[in-house]
Amino acid sequence: MIIRIEVSDVDLEAMECGSLEEFEEQIRNQLDNGVVTSDGGAGADWMVDYDLEVIKVD
């Protein structure tokens, strides 16, 4: 699975991220650990392997 996220400088600033790398790290952490299923599992427990593409837009 490919997860593609388009993010602008305004978005990065609003989320208090200084770089695309920092944003990608936070998103990956949320996907892997922050998503909780109804039975208490983490995203990493039920989600298939994924590639994360973070693209900067204007």
PDB file of N, CA and C in Angstrom:
ATOM      1  N   MET A   1       0.847  -1.150   0.000  1.00  0.00           N
ATOM      2  CA  MET A   1       0.000   0.000   0.000  1.00  0.00           C
ATOM      3  C   MET A   1       0.904   1.228   0.000  1.00  0.00           C
ATOM      4  N   ILE A   2       0.456   2.244  -0.720  1.00  0.00           N
ATOM      5  CA  ILE A   2       1.166   3.521  -0.735  1.00  0.00           C
ATOM      6  C   ILE A   2       0.254   4.579  -0.119  1.00  0.00           C
ATOM      7  N   ILE A   3       0.773   5.284   0.837  1.00  0.00           N
ATOM      8  CA  ILE A   3       0.056   6.401   1.445  1.00  0.00           C
ATOM      9  C   ILE A   3       0.780   7.664   1.001  1.00  0.00           C
ATOM     10  N   ARG A   4       0.071   8.503   0.266  1.00  0.00           N
ATOM     11  CA  ARG A   4       0.672   9.729  -0.256  1.00  0.00           C
ATOM     12  C   ARG A   4       0.032  10.926   0.436  1.00  0.00           C
ATOM     13  N   ILE A   5       0.881  11.796   0.974  1.00  0.00           N
ATOM     14  CA  ILE A   5       0.418  12.985   1.679  1.00  0.00           C
ATOM     15  C   ILE A   5       1.070  14.203   1.039  1.00  0.00           C
ATOM     16  N   GLU A   6       0.241  15.161   0.661  1.00  0.00           N
ATOM     17  CA  GLU A   6       0.738  16.429   0.144  1.00  0.00           C
ATOM     18  C   GLU A   6       0.650  17.449   1.270  1.00  0.00           C
ATOM     19  N   VAL A   7       1.747  18.124   1.528  1.00  0.00           N
ATOM     20  CA  VAL A   7       1.821  19.058   2.650  1.00  0.00           C
ATOM     21  C   VAL A   7       2.497  20.355   2.196  1.00  0.00           C
ATOM     22  N   SER A   8       1.976  21.460   2.685  1.00  0.00           N
ATOM     23  CA  SER A   8       2.547  22.770   2.345  1.00  0.00           C
ATOM     24  C   SER A   8       3.333  23.321   3.535  1.00  0.00           C
ATOM     25  N   ASP A   9       4.031  24.417   3.294  1.00  0.00           N
ATOM     26  CA  ASP A   9       4.751  25.079   4.385  1.00  0.00           C
ATOM     27  C   ASP A   9       3.774  25.526   5.473  1.00  0.00           C
ATOM     28  N   VAL A  10       2.598  25.985   5.065  1.00  0.00           N
ATOM     29  CA  VAL A  10       1.579  26.417   6.033  1.00  0.00           C
ATOM     30  C   VAL A  10       1.159  25.231   6.906  1.00  0.00           C
ATOM     31  N   ASP A  11       0.968  24.069   6.278  1.00  0.00           N
ATOM     32  CA  ASP A  11       0.613  22.866   7.036  1.00  0.00           C
ATOM     33  C   ASP A  11       1.721  22.498   8.026  1.00  0.00           C
ATOM     34  N   LEU A  12       2.960  22.513   7.551  1.00  0.00           N
ATOM     35  CA  LEU A  12       4.084  22.167   8.424  1.00  0.00           C
ATOM     36  C   LEU A  12       4.157  23.112   9.618  1.00  0.00           C
ATOM     37  N   GLU A  13       3.971  24.400   9.346  1.00  0.00           N
ATOM     38  CA  GLU A  13       4.013  25.385  10.423  1.00  0.00           C
ATOM     39  C   GLU A  13       2.871  25.152  11.416  1.00  0.00           C
ATOM     40  N   ALA A  14       1.679  24.882  10.907  1.00  0.00           N
ATOM     41  CA  ALA A  14       0.522  24.659  11.783  1.00  0.00           C
ATOM     42  C   ALA A  14       0.721  23.429  12.670  1.00  0.00           C
ATOM     43  N   MET A  15       1.451  22.439  12.167  1.00  0.00           N
ATOM     44  CA  MET A  15       1.704  21.223  12.940  1.00  0.00           C
ATOM     45  C   MET A  15       3.036  21.273  13.675  1.00  0.00           C
ATOM     46  N   GLU A  16       3.661  22.461  13.653  1.00  0.00           N
ATOM     47  CA  GLU A  16       4.914  22.703  14.364  1.00  0.00           C
ATOM     48  C   GLU A  16       6.022  21.738  13.965  1.00  0.00           C
ATOM     49  N   CYS A  17       6.117  21.492  12.647  1.00  0.00           N
ATOM     50  CA  CYS A  17       7.183  20.651  12.106  1.00  0.00           C
ATOM     51  C   CYS A  17       8.162  21.538  11.348  1.00  0.00           C
ATOM     52  N   GLY A  18       9.428  21.377  11.626  1.00  0.00           N
ATOM     53  CA  GLY A  18      10.452  22.190  10.981  1.00  0.00           C
ATOM     54  C   GLY A  18      10.905  21.673   9.631  1.00  0.00           C
ATOM     55  N   SER A  19      10.507  20.437   9.279  1.00  0.00           N
ATOM     56  CA  SER A  19      10.944  19.855   8.018  1.00  0.00           C
ATOM     57  C   SER A  19       9.983  18.756   7.588  1.00  0.00           C
ATOM     58  N   LEU A  20      10.104  18.363   6.318  1.00  0.00           N
ATOM     59  CA  LEU A  20       9.309  17.239   5.825  1.00  0.00           C
ATOM     60  C   LEU A  20       9.667  15.961   6.569  1.00  0.00           C
ATOM     61  N   GLU A  21      10.941  15.815   6.891  1.00  0.00           N
ATOM     62  CA  GLU A  21      11.388  14.616   7.589  1.00  0.00           C
ATOM     63  C   GLU A  21      10.741  14.506   8.965  1.00  0.00           C
ATOM     64  N   GLU A  22      10.659  15.627   9.667  1.00  0.00           N
ATOM     65  CA  GLU A  22      10.026  15.626  10.987  1.00  0.00           C
ATOM     66  C   GLU A  22       8.537  15.283  10.866  1.00  0.00           C
ATOM     67  N   PHE A  23       7.879  15.867   9.871  1.00  0.00           N
ATOM     68  CA  PHE A  23       6.470  15.575   9.628  1.00  0.00           C
ATOM     69  C   PHE A  23       6.279  14.093   9.319  1.00  0.00           C
ATOM     70  N   GLU A  24       7.115  13.558   8.431  1.00  0.00           N
ATOM     71  CA  GLU A  24       7.005  12.142   8.063  1.00  0.00           C
ATOM     72  C   GLU A  24       7.207  11.249   9.286  1.00  0.00           C
ATOM     73  N   GLU A  25       8.150  11.588  10.125  1.00  0.00           N
ATOM     74  CA  GLU A  25       8.399  10.803  11.339  1.00  0.00           C
ATOM     75  C   GLU A  25       7.166  10.803  12.242  1.00  0.00           C
ATOM     76  N   GLN A  26       6.541  11.967  12.410  1.00  0.00           N
ATOM     77  CA  GLN A  26       5.362  12.054  13.267  1.00  0.00           C
ATOM     78  C   GLN A  26       4.176  11.296  12.675  1.00  0.00           C
ATOM     79  N   ILE A  27       3.977  11.407  11.364  1.00  0.00           N
ATOM     80  CA  ILE A  27       2.876  10.689  10.707  1.00  0.00           C
ATOM     81  C   ILE A  27       3.099   9.187  10.805  1.00  0.00           C
ATOM     82  N   ARG A  28       4.318   8.754  10.535  1.00  0.00           N
ATOM     83  CA  ARG A  28       4.621   7.318  10.611  1.00  0.00           C
ATOM     84  C   ARG A  28       4.375   6.794  12.029  1.00  0.00           C
ATOM     85  N   ASN A  29       4.749   7.555  13.034  1.00  0.00           N
ATOM     86  CA  ASN A  29       4.515   7.159  14.413  1.00  0.00           C
ATOM     87  C   ASN A  29       3.015   7.045  14.693  1.00  0.00           C
ATOM     88  N   GLN A  30       2.241   8.012  14.195  1.00  0.00           N
ATOM     89  CA  GLN A  30       0.791   7.957  14.393  1.00  0.00           C
ATOM     90  C   GLN A  30       0.185   6.741  13.708  1.00  0.00           C
ATOM     91  N   LEU A  31       0.602   6.463  12.481  1.00  0.00           N
ATOM     92  CA  LEU A  31       0.068   5.305  11.762  1.00  0.00           C
ATOM     93  C   LEU A  31       0.433   3.999  12.459  1.00  0.00           C
ATOM     94  N   ASP A  32       1.665   3.910  12.922  1.00  0.00           N
ATOM     95  CA  ASP A  32       2.149   2.661  13.529  1.00  0.00           C
ATOM     96  C   ASP A  32       1.670   2.475  14.969  1.00  0.00           C
ATOM     97  N   ASN A  33       1.555   3.574  15.713  1.00  0.00           N
ATOM     98  CA  ASN A  33       1.305   3.450  17.142  1.00  0.00           C
ATOM     99  C   ASN A  33       0.084   4.196  17.649  1.00  0.00           C
ATOM    100  N   GLY A  34      -0.330   5.221  16.946  1.00  0.00           N
ATOM    101  CA  GLY A  34      -1.394   6.082  17.450  1.00  0.00           C
ATOM    102  C   GLY A  34      -2.799   5.635  17.067  1.00  0.00           C
ATOM    103  N   VAL A  35      -2.917   4.838  16.024  1.00  0.00           N
ATOM    104  CA  VAL A  35      -4.225   4.349  15.605  1.00  0.00           C
ATOM    105  C   VAL A  35      -4.560   3.140  16.460  1.00  0.00           C
ATOM    106  N   VAL A  36      -5.700   3.184  17.112  1.00  0.00           N
ATOM    107  CA  VAL A  36      -6.082   2.084  17.987  1.00  0.00           C
ATOM    108  C   VAL A  36      -7.375   1.458  17.476  1.00  0.00           C
ATOM    109  N   THR A  37      -7.366   0.143  17.370  1.00  0.00           N
ATOM    110  CA  THR A  37      -8.548  -0.578  16.926  1.00  0.00           C
ATOM    111  C   THR A  37      -9.517  -0.762  18.094  1.00  0.00           C
ATOM    112  N   SER A  38     -10.706  -1.213  17.781  1.00  0.00           N
ATOM    113  CA  SER A  38     -11.724  -1.381  18.817  1.00  0.00           C
ATOM    114  C   SER A  38     -11.305  -2.386  19.897  1.00  0.00           C
ATOM    115  N   ASP A  39     -10.406  -3.306  19.541  1.00  0.00           N
ATOM    116  CA  ASP A  39      -9.955  -4.280  20.541  1.00  0.00           C
ATOM    117  C   ASP A  39      -8.619  -3.897  21.185  1.00  0.00           C
ATOM    118  N   GLY A  40      -8.178  -2.630  20.954  1.00  0.00           N
ATOM    119  CA  GLY A  40      -6.983  -2.138  21.624  1.00  0.00           C
ATOM    120  C   GLY A  40      -5.684  -2.338  20.874  1.00  0.00           C
ATOM    121  N   GLY A  41      -5.731  -2.878  19.663  1.00  0.00           N
ATOM    122  CA  GLY A  41      -4.513  -3.089  18.886  1.00  0.00           C
ATOM    123  C   GLY A  41      -4.011  -1.788  18.282  1.00  0.00           C
ATOM    124  N   ALA A  42      -2.724  -1.728  18.006  1.00  0.00           N
ATOM    125  CA  ALA A  42      -2.124  -0.562  17.352  1.00  0.00           C
ATOM    126  C   ALA A  42      -2.185  -0.734  15.850  1.00  0.00           C
ATOM    127  N   GLY A  43      -2.015   0.385  15.134  1.00  0.00           N
ATOM    128  CA  GLY A  43      -2.049   0.337  13.679  1.00  0.00           C
ATOM    129  C   GLY A  43      -1.086  -0.680  13.100  1.00  0.00           C
ATOM    130  N   ALA A  44       0.086  -0.780  13.680  1.00  0.00           N
ATOM    131  CA  ALA A  44       1.089  -1.715  13.188  1.00  0.00           C
ATOM    132  C   ALA A  44       0.632  -3.166  13.308  1.00  0.00           C
ATOM    133  N   ASP A  45      -0.327  -3.415  14.203  1.00  0.00           N
ATOM    134  CA  ASP A  45      -0.823  -4.778  14.394  1.00  0.00           C
ATOM    135  C   ASP A  45      -1.753  -5.238  13.283  1.00  0.00           C
ATOM    136  N   TRP A  46      -2.456  -4.302  12.640  1.00  0.00           N
ATOM    137  CA  TRP A  46      -3.454  -4.704  11.649  1.00  0.00           C
ATOM    138  C   TRP A  46      -3.202  -4.159  10.257  1.00  0.00           C
ATOM    139  N   MET A  47      -2.341  -3.170  10.127  1.00  0.00           N
ATOM    140  CA  MET A  47      -2.121  -2.524   8.837  1.00  0.00           C
ATOM    141  C   MET A  47      -1.080  -3.286   8.033  1.00  0.00           C
ATOM    142  N   VAL A  48      -1.326  -3.417   6.727  1.00  0.00           N
ATOM    143  CA  VAL A  48      -0.346  -4.056   5.855  1.00  0.00           C
ATOM    144  C   VAL A  48       0.859  -3.141   5.710  1.00  0.00           C
ATOM    145  N   ASP A  49       1.963  -3.708   5.231  1.00  0.00           N
ATOM    146  CA  ASP A  49       3.149  -2.885   4.998  1.00  0.00           C
ATOM    147  C   ASP A  49       2.795  -1.735   4.069  1.00  0.00           C
ATOM    148  N   TYR A  50       3.388  -0.589   4.324  1.00  0.00           N
ATOM    149  CA  TYR A  50       3.073   0.579   3.507  1.00  0.00           C
ATOM    150  C   TYR A  50       4.325   1.378   3.210  1.00  0.00           C
ATOM    151  N   ASP A  51       4.257   2.111   2.123  1.00  0.00           N
ATOM    152  CA  ASP A  51       5.260   3.110   1.789  1.00  0.00           C
ATOM    153  C   ASP A  51       4.608   4.463   1.992  1.00  0.00           C
ATOM    154  N   LEU A  52       5.305   5.356   2.633  1.00  0.00           N
ATOM    155  CA  LEU A  52       4.782   6.682   2.912  1.00  0.00           C
ATOM    156  C   LEU A  52       5.478   7.675   2.012  1.00  0.00           C
ATOM    157  N   GLU A  53       4.710   8.385   1.183  1.00  0.00           N
ATOM    158  CA  GLU A  53       5.252   9.418   0.318  1.00  0.00           C
ATOM    159  C   GLU A  53       4.752  10.769   0.811  1.00  0.00           C
ATOM    160  N   VAL A  54       5.660  11.610   1.275  1.00  0.00           N
ATOM    161  CA  VAL A  54       5.302  12.951   1.713  1.00  0.00           C
ATOM    162  C   VAL A  54       5.854  13.906   0.672  1.00  0.00           C
ATOM    163  N   ILE A  55       4.941  14.667   0.077  1.00  0.00           N
ATOM    164  CA  ILE A  55       5.305  15.554  -1.025  1.00  0.00           C
ATOM    165  C   ILE A  55       4.975  16.983  -0.635  1.00  0.00           C
ATOM    166  N   LYS A  56       5.937  17.865  -0.849  1.00  0.00           N
ATOM    167  CA  LYS A  56       5.722  19.276  -0.538  1.00  0.00           C
ATOM    168  C   LYS A  56       5.048  19.961  -1.720  1.00  0.00           C
ATOM    169  N   VAL A  57       3.973  20.688  -1.411  1.00  0.00           N
ATOM    170  CA  VAL A  57       3.251  21.451  -2.424  1.00  0.00           C
ATOM    171  C   VAL A  57       3.248  22.916  -2.015  1.00  0.00           C
ATOM    172  N   ASP A  58       2.917  23.776  -2.968  1.00  0.00           N
ATOM    173  CA  ASP A  58       2.853  25.221  -2.693  1.00  0.00           C
ATOM    174  C   ASP A  58       1.508  25.633  -2.184  1.00  0.00           C
TER     175      ASP A  58
END
